[in-house]
């Protein structure tokens, strides 16, 4: 960690303000918030969150790089693979979290060259700063197709057509759960004494969340709806915040505790079972 660059004064000021905001959220909630609320604030709190504070995040001058930033081949291959789907679906593409807009531009250009441009390309984006960056990218790379693009900050009443989500699920707030002796617990943050830092705390989950976890485990084939008393592990489920209403069951990892105290991964799934996705 010592090798990380020191943030400049402006970044430190934003960080301090965001910490104060999260503390306020914890205080208002009675001293504890779930991990999903913490993640929502850390990433998307207006003017303060990671993706909305205005700093560059993508590309060589940012914090990380995704495939569309490296080569247009990614978008072109995806567009080619999408032709059969678009022929059977509504001629609409909906992209969740379009980043800098590179993938959207690549898809639109490639689909136009292939003779199947979508009638509409929707981008669901909650960050005003990224919206402007996406608009700039599209105007530069495919000016003739910008008129087909529509920006949304919430889910439309109905989703038809092709849906894209490239490296975006890990940026959607989730609720974390743990299983202790067969009981479902939820992980979150609580305030420390006086001005002490916020600390992680796991507490018994409420009945509604516990039931959702058990249904998701059962649907994933995890030994029925009731984990064994010998089961322990961690996972995540639901995405309730970023798109204001889209809820997706997602369970990432469960491990089993053996009688001698050892633990080993017993089940893992990245992504979302189709039968457990609902909006």
Foldseek 3Di string as FASTA:
>chain_A
DVPDDDDDPVLVVLVVVLQVVVVVVCVVVPFWDFQLVVLCSQAPVACRHPPAVQDQAEDPPHVYYDDLNVDLVVLLVVLVVCPVQCVVWQLEEEEEPCAQQSSVLSNQVNCVVVVRHRQAYEYADQHPNSVVSNLVVCCVRPVVCSVRYDYHPADDPDDIGHYHYGPCPVSFRWWKWKAALQFIKTKIWGDDPDNDRIDIDIGGDDPVVLQVVLVLCVVVVNPHSTHHRQWIAMFTAWRCPRRNGFTAGGTAWTWGADPVGDIDTDDGDDDGDPVRGDD
